[in-house]
PDB file of N, CA and C in Angstrom:
ATOM      1  N   MET A   1      31.798  67.888 -28.311  1.00  0.00           N
ATOM      2  CA  MET A   1      32.092  66.483 -28.499  1.00  0.00           C
ATOM      3  C   MET A   1      30.964  65.677 -27.864  1.00  0.00           C
ATOM      4  N   HIS A   2      30.684  64.556 -28.469  1.00  0.00           N
ATOM      5  CA  HIS A   2      29.672  63.668 -27.900  1.00  0.00           C
ATOM      6  C   HIS A   2      30.153  63.198 -26.536  1.00  0.00           C
ATOM      7  N   PRO A   3      29.280  63.255 -25.524  1.00  0.00           N
ATOM      8  CA  PRO A   3      29.685  62.892 -24.162  1.00  0.00           C
ATOM      9  C   PRO A   3      30.375  61.542 -24.026  1.00  0.00           C
ATOM     10  N   SER A   4      30.028  60.584 -24.858  1.00  0.00           N
ATOM     11  CA  SER A   4      30.614  59.247 -24.709  1.00  0.00           C
ATOM     12  C   SER A   4      32.094  59.192 -25.099  1.00  0.00           C
ATOM     13  N   ARG A   5      32.606  60.232 -25.769  1.00  0.00           N
ATOM     14  CA  ARG A   5      34.000  60.205 -26.237  1.00  0.00           C
ATOM     15  C   ARG A   5      34.914  61.195 -25.526  1.00  0.00           C
ATOM     16  N   CYS A   6      34.458  61.783 -24.454  1.00  0.00           N
ATOM     17  CA  CYS A   6      35.239  62.819 -23.770  1.00  0.00           C
ATOM     18  C   CYS A   6      36.321  62.227 -22.872  1.00  0.00           C
ATOM     19  N   PRO A   7      37.492  62.835 -22.889  1.00  0.00           N
ATOM     20  CA  PRO A   7      38.556  62.410 -21.967  1.00  0.00           C
ATOM     21  C   PRO A   7      38.243  62.939 -20.565  1.00  0.00           C
ATOM     22  N   PRO A   8      38.949  62.454 -19.555  1.00  0.00           N
ATOM     23  CA  PRO A   8      38.790  63.043 -18.217  1.00  0.00           C
ATOM     24  C   PRO A   8      39.145  64.526 -18.272  1.00  0.00           C
ATOM     25  N   PRO A   9      38.557  65.348 -17.391  1.00  0.00           N
ATOM     26  CA  PRO A   9      38.815  66.794 -17.439  1.00  0.00           C
ATOM     27  C   PRO A   9      40.298  67.162 -17.442  1.00  0.00           C
ATOM     28  N   ALA A  10      41.107  66.494 -16.648  1.00  0.00           N
ATOM     29  CA  ALA A  10      42.531  66.826 -16.569  1.00  0.00           C
ATOM     30  C   ALA A  10      43.263  66.529 -17.874  1.00  0.00           C
ATOM     31  N   ALA A  11      42.730  65.627 -18.680  1.00  0.00           N
ATOM     32  CA  ALA A  11      43.380  65.252 -19.940  1.00  0.00           C
ATOM     33  C   ALA A  11      42.895  66.085 -21.120  1.00  0.00           C
ATOM     34  N   ALA A  12      41.802  66.798 -20.971  1.00  0.00           N
ATOM     35  CA  ALA A  12      41.262  67.593 -22.070  1.00  0.00           C
ATOM     36  C   ALA A  12      42.171  68.796 -22.332  1.00  0.00           C
ATOM     37  N   GLN A  13      42.601  68.935 -23.563  1.00  0.00           N
ATOM     38  CA  GLN A  13      43.511  70.017 -23.945  1.00  0.00           C
ATOM     39  C   GLN A  13      42.838  71.062 -24.832  1.00  0.00           C
ATOM     40  N   ASP A  14      41.746  70.703 -25.458  1.00  0.00           N
ATOM     41  CA  ASP A  14      41.072  71.571 -26.416  1.00  0.00           C
ATOM     42  C   ASP A  14      39.604  71.684 -26.037  1.00  0.00           C
ATOM     43  N   LEU A  15      39.014  72.830 -26.269  1.00  0.00           N
ATOM     44  CA  LEU A  15      37.605  73.033 -25.932  1.00  0.00           C
ATOM     45  C   LEU A  15      36.698  72.038 -26.650  1.00  0.00           C
ATOM     46  N   LEU A  16      37.084  71.640 -27.855  1.00  0.00           N
ATOM     47  CA  LEU A  16      36.261  70.695 -28.609  1.00  0.00           C
ATOM     48  C   LEU A  16      36.298  69.280 -28.039  1.00  0.00           C
ATOM     49  N   GLN A  17      37.136  69.030 -27.058  1.00  0.00           N
ATOM     50  CA  GLN A  17      37.158  67.735 -26.378  1.00  0.00           C
ATOM     51  C   GLN A  17      36.155  67.673 -25.224  1.00  0.00           C
ATOM     52  N   LEU A  18      35.523  68.780 -24.924  1.00  0.00           N
ATOM     53  CA  LEU A  18      34.589  68.834 -23.803  1.00  0.00           C
ATOM     54  C   LEU A  18      33.217  68.319 -24.216  1.00  0.00           C
ATOM     55  N   PRO A  19      32.477  67.760 -23.266  1.00  0.00           N
ATOM     56  CA  PRO A  19      31.138  67.265 -23.596  1.00  0.00           C
ATOM     57  C   PRO A  19      30.220  68.415 -23.993  1.00  0.00           C
ATOM     58  N   ASN A  20      29.396  68.164 -24.974  1.00  0.00           N
ATOM     59  CA  ASN A  20      28.371  69.108 -25.427  1.00  0.00           C
ATOM     60  C   ASN A  20      28.939  70.351 -26.115  1.00  0.00           C
ATOM     61  N   VAL A  21      30.210  70.335 -26.475  1.00  0.00           N
ATOM     62  CA  VAL A  21      30.836  71.502 -27.109  1.00  0.00           C
ATOM     63  C   VAL A  21      31.121  71.208 -28.572  1.00  0.00           C
ATOM     64  N   GLY A  22      30.585  72.074 -29.410  1.00  0.00           N
ATOM     65  CA  GLY A  22      30.882  72.060 -30.832  1.00  0.00           C
ATOM     66  C   GLY A  22      31.578  73.359 -31.188  1.00  0.00           C
ATOM     67  N   ALA A  23      31.705  73.617 -32.469  1.00  0.00           N
ATOM     68  CA  ALA A  23      32.436  74.800 -32.936  1.00  0.00           C
ATOM     69  C   ALA A  23      31.815  76.099 -32.422  1.00  0.00           C
ATOM     70  N   ARG A  24      30.493  76.204 -32.426  1.00  0.00           N
ATOM     71  CA  ARG A  24      29.828  77.446 -32.000  1.00  0.00           C
ATOM     72  C   ARG A  24      30.043  77.702 -30.510  1.00  0.00           C
ATOM     73  N   THR A  25      29.879  76.664 -29.700  1.00  0.00           N
ATOM     74  CA  THR A  25      30.075  76.828 -28.254  1.00  0.00           C
ATOM     75  C   THR A  25      31.530  77.151 -27.956  1.00  0.00           C
ATOM     76  N   ALA A  26      32.448  76.505 -28.660  1.00  0.00           N
ATOM     77  CA  ALA A  26      33.874  76.803 -28.463  1.00  0.00           C
ATOM     78  C   ALA A  26      34.151  78.274 -28.788  1.00  0.00           C
ATOM     79  N   ALA A  27      33.535  78.798 -29.846  1.00  0.00           N
ATOM     80  CA  ALA A  27      33.716  80.207 -30.210  1.00  0.00           C
ATOM     81  C   ALA A  27      33.148  81.119 -29.121  1.00  0.00           C
ATOM     82  N   ASP A  28      31.996  80.742 -28.560  1.00  0.00           N
ATOM     83  CA  ASP A  28      31.412  81.529 -27.472  1.00  0.00           C
ATOM     84  C   ASP A  28      32.324  81.530 -26.246  1.00  0.00           C
ATOM     85  N   LEU A  29      32.903  80.380 -25.939  1.00  0.00           N
ATOM     86  CA  LEU A  29      33.806  80.295 -24.790  1.00  0.00           C
ATOM     87  C   LEU A  29      35.044  81.166 -25.014  1.00  0.00           C
ATOM     88  N   ARG A  30      35.575  81.135 -26.211  1.00  0.00           N
ATOM     89  CA  ARG A  30      36.748  81.964 -26.517  1.00  0.00           C
ATOM     90  C   ARG A  30      36.411  83.449 -26.393  1.00  0.00           C
ATOM     91  N   LEU A  31      35.200  83.818 -26.769  1.00  0.00           N
ATOM     92  CA  LEU A  31      34.760  85.199 -26.620  1.00  0.00           C
ATOM     93  C   LEU A  31      34.784  85.627 -25.150  1.00  0.00           C
ATOM     94  N   LEU A  32      34.596  84.663 -24.254  1.00  0.00           N
ATOM     95  CA  LEU A  32      34.634  84.937 -22.809  1.00  0.00           C
ATOM     96  C   LEU A  32      36.047  84.844 -22.239  1.00  0.00           C
ATOM     97  N   GLY A  33      37.039  84.622 -23.098  1.00  0.00           N
ATOM     98  CA  GLY A  33      38.424  84.531 -22.644  1.00  0.00           C
ATOM     99  C   GLY A  33      38.829  83.141 -22.208  1.00  0.00           C
ATOM    100  N   ILE A  34      38.011  82.163 -22.506  1.00  0.00           N
ATOM    101  CA  ILE A  34      38.307  80.771 -22.152  1.00  0.00           C
ATOM    102  C   ILE A  34      38.948  80.113 -23.364  1.00  0.00           C
ATOM    103  N   GLN A  35      40.230  79.797 -23.242  1.00  0.00           N
ATOM    104  CA  GLN A  35      40.987  79.232 -24.359  1.00  0.00           C
ATOM    105  C   GLN A  35      41.208  77.730 -24.224  1.00  0.00           C
ATOM    106  N   THR A  36      41.240  77.239 -22.992  1.00  0.00           N
ATOM    107  CA  THR A  36      41.481  75.820 -22.736  1.00  0.00           C
ATOM    108  C   THR A  36      40.460  75.324 -21.721  1.00  0.00           C
ATOM    109  N   PRO A  37      40.247  74.022 -21.649  1.00  0.00           N
ATOM    110  CA  PRO A  37      39.332  73.491 -20.646  1.00  0.00           C
ATOM    111  C   PRO A  37      39.693  73.914 -19.218  1.00  0.00           C
ATOM    112  N   ALA A  38      40.966  73.997 -18.916  1.00  0.00           N
ATOM    113  CA  ALA A  38      41.390  74.389 -17.567  1.00  0.00           C
ATOM    114  C   ALA A  38      40.896  75.787 -17.196  1.00  0.00           C
ATOM    115  N   ASP A  39      40.690  76.642 -18.199  1.00  0.00           N
ATOM    116  CA  ASP A  39      40.207  77.996 -17.938  1.00  0.00           C
ATOM    117  C   ASP A  39      38.782  78.016 -17.380  1.00  0.00           C
ATOM    118  N   LEU A  40      38.075  76.907 -17.501  1.00  0.00           N
ATOM    119  CA  LEU A  40      36.703  76.819 -16.991  1.00  0.00           C
ATOM    120  C   LEU A  40      36.646  76.582 -15.482  1.00  0.00           C
ATOM    121  N   ARG A  41      37.722  76.093 -14.923  1.00  0.00           N
ATOM    122  CA  ARG A  41      37.715  75.775 -13.484  1.00  0.00           C
ATOM    123  C   ARG A  41      37.399  77.016 -12.662  1.00  0.00           C
ATOM    124  N   GLY A  42      36.438  76.861 -11.768  1.00  0.00           N
ATOM    125  CA  GLY A  42      36.064  77.938 -10.871  1.00  0.00           C
ATOM    126  C   GLY A  42      35.147  78.989 -11.472  1.00  0.00           C
ATOM    127  N   ARG A  43      34.787  78.845 -12.725  1.00  0.00           N
ATOM    128  CA  ARG A  43      33.900  79.822 -13.368  1.00  0.00           C
ATOM    129  C   ARG A  43      32.448  79.467 -13.097  1.00  0.00           C
ATOM    130  N   ASP A  44      31.654  80.465 -12.817  1.00  0.00           N
ATOM    131  CA  ASP A  44      30.227  80.280 -12.554  1.00  0.00           C
ATOM    132  C   ASP A  44      29.463  80.284 -13.885  1.00  0.00           C
ATOM    133  N   PRO A  45      28.705  79.224 -14.176  1.00  0.00           N
ATOM    134  CA  PRO A  45      28.029  79.157 -15.471  1.00  0.00           C
ATOM    135  C   PRO A  45      26.990  80.261 -15.673  1.00  0.00           C
ATOM    136  N   TYR A  46      26.322  80.680 -14.593  1.00  0.00           N
ATOM    137  CA  TYR A  46      25.323  81.736 -14.707  1.00  0.00           C
ATOM    138  C   TYR A  46      25.983  83.076 -15.037  1.00  0.00           C
ATOM    139  N   GLU A  47      27.112  83.336 -14.431  1.00  0.00           N
ATOM    140  CA  GLU A  47      27.864  84.551 -14.748  1.00  0.00           C
ATOM    141  C   GLU A  47      28.394  84.504 -16.177  1.00  0.00           C
ATOM    142  N   MET A  48      28.882  83.328 -16.595  1.00  0.00           N
ATOM    143  CA  MET A  48      29.375  83.201 -17.972  1.00  0.00           C
ATOM    144  C   MET A  48      28.256  83.471 -18.968  1.00  0.00           C
ATOM    145  N   TYR A  49      27.059  82.973 -18.671  1.00  0.00           N
ATOM    146  CA  TYR A  49      25.918  83.193 -19.563  1.00  0.00           C
ATOM    147  C   TYR A  49      25.627  84.689 -19.696  1.00  0.00           C
ATOM    148  N   LEU A  50      25.566  85.385 -18.568  1.00  0.00           N
ATOM    149  CA  LEU A  50      25.306  86.825 -18.601  1.00  0.00           C
ATOM    150  C   LEU A  50      26.416  87.576 -19.330  1.00  0.00           C
ATOM    151  N   GLN A  51      27.664  87.171 -19.129  1.00  0.00           N
ATOM    152  CA  GLN A  51      28.790  87.796 -19.819  1.00  0.00           C
ATOM    153  C   GLN A  51      28.690  87.567 -21.329  1.00  0.00           C
ATOM    154  N   LEU A  52      28.271  86.377 -21.726  1.00  0.00           N
ATOM    155  CA  LEU A  52      28.113  86.074 -23.146  1.00  0.00           C
ATOM    156  C   LEU A  52      27.010  86.937 -23.755  1.00  0.00           C
ATOM    157  N   CYS A  53      25.899  87.048 -23.055  1.00  0.00           N
ATOM    158  CA  CYS A  53      24.808  87.903 -23.544  1.00  0.00           C
ATOM    159  C   CYS A  53      25.283  89.351 -23.687  1.00  0.00           C
ATOM    160  N   ASP A  54      26.033  89.840 -22.710  1.00  0.00           N
ATOM    161  CA  ASP A  54      26.569  91.206 -22.779  1.00  0.00           C
ATOM    162  C   ASP A  54      27.552  91.357 -23.938  1.00  0.00           C
ATOM    163  N   ALA A  55      28.427  90.377 -24.089  1.00  0.00           N
ATOM    164  CA  ALA A  55      29.469  90.456 -25.126  1.00  0.00           C
ATOM    165  C   ALA A  55      28.890  90.443 -26.534  1.00  0.00           C
ATOM    166  N   THR A  56      27.781  89.737 -26.717  1.00  0.00           N
ATOM    167  CA  THR A  56      27.188  89.615 -28.048  1.00  0.00           C
ATOM    168  C   THR A  56      26.041  90.593 -28.273  1.00  0.00           C
ATOM    169  N   GLY A  57      25.581  91.232 -27.193  1.00  0.00           N
ATOM    170  CA  GLY A  57      24.476  92.170 -27.314  1.00  0.00           C
ATOM    171  C   GLY A  57      23.142  91.504 -27.564  1.00  0.00           C
ATOM    172  N   GLN A  58      23.028  90.238 -27.203  1.00  0.00           N
ATOM    173  CA  GLN A  58      21.755  89.534 -27.392  1.00  0.00           C
ATOM    174  C   GLN A  58      21.543  88.506 -26.282  1.00  0.00           C
ATOM    175  N   ARG A  59      20.294  88.214 -26.017  1.00  0.00           N
ATOM    176  CA  ARG A  59      19.967  87.175 -25.053  1.00  0.00           C
ATOM    177  C   ARG A  59      20.018  85.830 -25.777  1.00  0.00           C
ATOM    178  N   HIS A  60      20.810  84.930 -25.246  1.00  0.00           N
ATOM    179  CA  HIS A  60      20.955  83.607 -25.860  1.00  0.00           C
ATOM    180  C   HIS A  60      19.890  82.655 -25.338  1.00  0.00           C
ATOM    181  N   ASP A  61      19.643  81.645 -26.110  1.00  0.00           N
ATOM    182  CA  ASP A  61      18.686  80.616 -25.727  1.00  0.00           C
ATOM    183  C   ASP A  61      19.101  80.015 -24.385  1.00  0.00           C
ATOM    184  N   PRO A  62      18.155  79.700 -23.513  1.00  0.00           N
ATOM    185  CA  PRO A  62      18.501  79.105 -22.218  1.00  0.00           C
ATOM    186  C   PRO A  62      19.285  77.793 -22.321  1.00  0.00           C
ATOM    187  N   CYS A  63      19.187  77.098 -23.442  1.00  0.00           N
ATOM    188  CA  CYS A  63      19.955  75.851 -23.585  1.00  0.00           C
ATOM    189  C   CYS A  63      21.454  76.130 -23.571  1.00  0.00           C
ATOM    190  N   VAL A  64      21.854  77.352 -23.956  1.00  0.00           N
ATOM    191  CA  VAL A  64      23.265  77.727 -23.867  1.00  0.00           C
ATOM    192  C   VAL A  64      23.704  77.703 -22.410  1.00  0.00           C
ATOM    193  N   LEU A  65      22.846  78.183 -21.530  1.00  0.00           N
ATOM    194  CA  LEU A  65      23.154  78.129 -20.103  1.00  0.00           C
ATOM    195  C   LEU A  65      23.247  76.686 -19.626  1.00  0.00           C
ATOM    196  N   ASP A  66      22.358  75.827 -20.121  1.00  0.00           N
ATOM    197  CA  ASP A  66      22.423  74.411 -19.754  1.00  0.00           C
ATOM    198  C   ASP A  66      23.769  73.801 -20.147  1.00  0.00           C
ATOM    199  N   VAL A  67      24.269  74.170 -21.308  1.00  0.00           N
ATOM    200  CA  VAL A  67      25.581  73.688 -21.747  1.00  0.00           C
ATOM    201  C   VAL A  67      26.666  74.183 -20.798  1.00  0.00           C
ATOM    202  N   LEU A  68      26.604  75.449 -20.432  1.00  0.00           N
ATOM    203  CA  LEU A  68      27.606  76.001 -19.517  1.00  0.00           C
ATOM    204  C   LEU A  68      27.547  75.313 -18.148  1.00  0.00           C
ATOM    205  N   ILE A  69      26.347  75.025 -17.676  1.00  0.00           N
ATOM    206  CA  ILE A  69      26.216  74.290 -16.412  1.00  0.00           C
ATOM    207  C   ILE A  69      26.830  72.904 -16.552  1.00  0.00           C
ATOM    208  N   SER A  70      26.582  72.251 -17.687  1.00  0.00           N
ATOM    209  CA  SER A  70      27.144  70.910 -17.898  1.00  0.00           C
ATOM    210  C   SER A  70      28.665  70.951 -17.898  1.00  0.00           C
ATOM    211  N   LEU A  71      29.244  72.015 -18.456  1.00  0.00           N
ATOM    212  CA  LEU A  71      30.702  72.143 -18.489  1.00  0.00           C
ATOM    213  C   LEU A  71      31.276  72.371 -17.096  1.00  0.00           C
ATOM    214  N   SER A  72      30.631  73.220 -16.322  1.00  0.00           N
ATOM    215  CA  SER A  72      31.089  73.446 -14.942  1.00  0.00           C
ATOM    216  C   SER A  72      31.019  72.157 -14.132  1.00  0.00           C
ATOM    217  N   HIS A  73      29.935  71.427 -14.322  1.00  0.00           N
ATOM    218  CA  HIS A  73      29.764  70.160 -13.613  1.00  0.00           C
ATOM    219  C   HIS A  73      30.854  69.162 -14.017  1.00  0.00           C
ATOM    220  N   TYR A  74      31.093  69.066 -15.300  1.00  0.00           N
ATOM    221  CA  TYR A  74      32.108  68.141 -15.813  1.00  0.00           C
ATOM    222  C   TYR A  74      33.496  68.478 -15.270  1.00  0.00           C
ATOM    223  N   MET A  75      33.847  69.757 -15.289  1.00  0.00           N
ATOM    224  CA  MET A  75      35.175  70.152 -14.817  1.00  0.00           C
ATOM    225  C   MET A  75      35.328  69.938 -13.309  1.00  0.00           C
ATOM    226  N   ALA A  76      34.244  70.066 -12.567  1.00  0.00           N
ATOM    227  CA  ALA A  76      34.303  69.903 -11.114  1.00  0.00           C
ATOM    228  C   ALA A  76      34.248  68.445 -10.667  1.00  0.00           C
ATOM    229  N   THR A  77      33.534  67.617 -11.432  1.00  0.00           N
ATOM    230  CA  THR A  77      33.296  66.243 -10.979  1.00  0.00           C
ATOM    231  C   THR A  77      33.846  65.162 -11.900  1.00  0.00           C
ATOM    232  N   GLY A  78      34.069  65.498 -13.159  1.00  0.00           N
ATOM    233  CA  GLY A  78      34.486  64.494 -14.135  1.00  0.00           C
ATOM    234  C   GLY A  78      33.321  63.707 -14.701  1.00  0.00           C
ATOM    235  N   GLU A  79      32.119  63.976 -14.210  1.00  0.00           N
ATOM    236  CA  GLU A  79      30.934  63.263 -14.699  1.00  0.00           C
ATOM    237  C   GLU A  79      30.459  63.893 -16.001  1.00  0.00           C
ATOM    238  N   VAL A  80      30.298  63.064 -17.013  1.00  0.00           N
ATOM    239  CA  VAL A  80      29.833  63.520 -18.316  1.00  0.00           C
ATOM    240  C   VAL A  80      28.330  63.303 -18.388  1.00  0.00           C
ATOM    241  N   ARG A  81      27.609  64.400 -18.618  1.00  0.00           N
ATOM    242  CA  ARG A  81      26.152  64.333 -18.776  1.00  0.00           C
ATOM    243  C   ARG A  81      25.737  65.191 -19.954  1.00  0.00           C
ATOM    244  N   SER A  82      24.655  64.818 -20.582  1.00  0.00           N
ATOM    245  CA  SER A  82      24.112  65.612 -21.683  1.00  0.00           C
ATOM    246  C   SER A  82      23.625  66.949 -21.152  1.00  0.00           C
ATOM    247  N   TRP A  83      23.718  67.975 -21.966  1.00  0.00           N
ATOM    248  CA  TRP A  83      23.344  69.319 -21.516  1.00  0.00           C
ATOM    249  C   TRP A  83      21.904  69.393 -21.054  1.00  0.00           C
ATOM    250  N   TRP A  84      21.008  68.662 -21.716  1.00  0.00           N
ATOM    251  CA  TRP A  84      19.591  68.760 -21.366  1.00  0.00           C
ATOM    252  C   TRP A  84      19.270  68.146 -20.010  1.00  0.00           C
ATOM    253  N   SER A  85      20.195  67.374 -19.460  1.00  0.00           N
ATOM    254  CA  SER A  85      19.945  66.826 -18.120  1.00  0.00           C
ATOM    255  C   SER A  85      20.074  67.910 -17.043  1.00  0.00           C
ATOM    256  N   PHE A  86      20.529  69.099 -17.416  1.00  0.00           N
ATOM    257  CA  PHE A  86      20.666  70.222 -16.482  1.00  0.00           C
ATOM    258  C   PHE A  86      19.523  71.232 -16.613  1.00  0.00           C
ATOM    259  N   THR A  87      18.600  70.994 -17.526  1.00  0.00           N
ATOM    260  CA  THR A  87      17.509  71.938 -17.754  1.00  0.00           C
ATOM    261  C   THR A  87      16.649  72.119 -16.508  1.00  0.00           C
ATOM    262  N   ALA A  88      16.268  71.045 -15.864  1.00  0.00           N
ATOM    263  CA  ALA A  88      15.421  71.149 -14.667  1.00  0.00           C
ATOM    264  C   ALA A  88      16.133  71.915 -13.559  1.00  0.00           C
ATOM    265  N   GLU A  89      17.431  71.652 -13.380  1.00  0.00           N
ATOM    266  CA  GLU A  89      18.210  72.372 -12.370  1.00  0.00           C
ATOM    267  C   GLU A  89      18.224  73.869 -12.672  1.00  0.00           C
ATOM    268  N   ARG A  90      18.463  74.203 -13.926  1.00  0.00           N
ATOM    269  CA  ARG A  90      18.492  75.612 -14.327  1.00  0.00           C
ATOM    270  C   ARG A  90      17.132  76.275 -14.087  1.00  0.00           C
ATOM    271  N   LYS A  91      16.059  75.582 -14.421  1.00  0.00           N
ATOM    272  CA  LYS A  91      14.721  76.146 -14.252  1.00  0.00           C
ATOM    273  C   LYS A  91      14.389  76.361 -12.784  1.00  0.00           C
ATOM    274  N   GLN A  92      14.889  75.480 -11.917  1.00  0.00           N
ATOM    275  CA  GLN A  92      14.656  75.664 -10.478  1.00  0.00           C
ATOM    276  C   GLN A  92      15.433  76.852  -9.934  1.00  0.00           C
ATOM    277  N   LYS A  93      16.648  77.018 -10.420  1.00  0.00           N
ATOM    278  CA  LYS A  93      17.527  78.059  -9.898  1.00  0.00           C
ATOM    279  C   LYS A  93      17.278  79.424 -10.522  1.00  0.00           C
ATOM    280  N   TRP A  94      16.970  79.426 -11.826  1.00  0.00           N
ATOM    281  CA  TRP A  94      16.927  80.682 -12.541  1.00  0.00           C
ATOM    282  C   TRP A  94      15.921  80.600 -13.679  1.00  0.00           C
ATOM    283  N   ARG A  95      14.932  81.425 -13.616  1.00  0.00           N
ATOM    284  CA  ARG A  95      13.930  81.480 -14.691  1.00  0.00           C
ATOM    285  C   ARG A  95      14.391  82.451 -15.766  1.00  0.00           C
ATOM    286  N   LEU A  96      14.459  81.982 -16.995  1.00  0.00           N
ATOM    287  CA  LEU A  96      14.814  82.853 -18.126  1.00  0.00           C
ATOM    288  C   LEU A  96      13.588  83.055 -18.993  1.00  0.00           C
TER     289      LEU A  96
END
């Protein structure tokens, strides 16, 4: 969903209501056992990225990790930010 239209984290009931999530990302999250936005609470985005790569047998583009970081941030703080605003943070923490 476009970040400007997202409900607060506690009100989000569907993965497609989350910022930066479209059908493909929602499918990836479901592959990781995440069915609702609440399932994201406490999940580490870097671990989720590695689990996704393992589950699909391929290395995903680093922007997928940026999306996962944005989701963790949103669920923890309620702040909606575009996924690309997390690219610099990801590059500092983890080189892919």
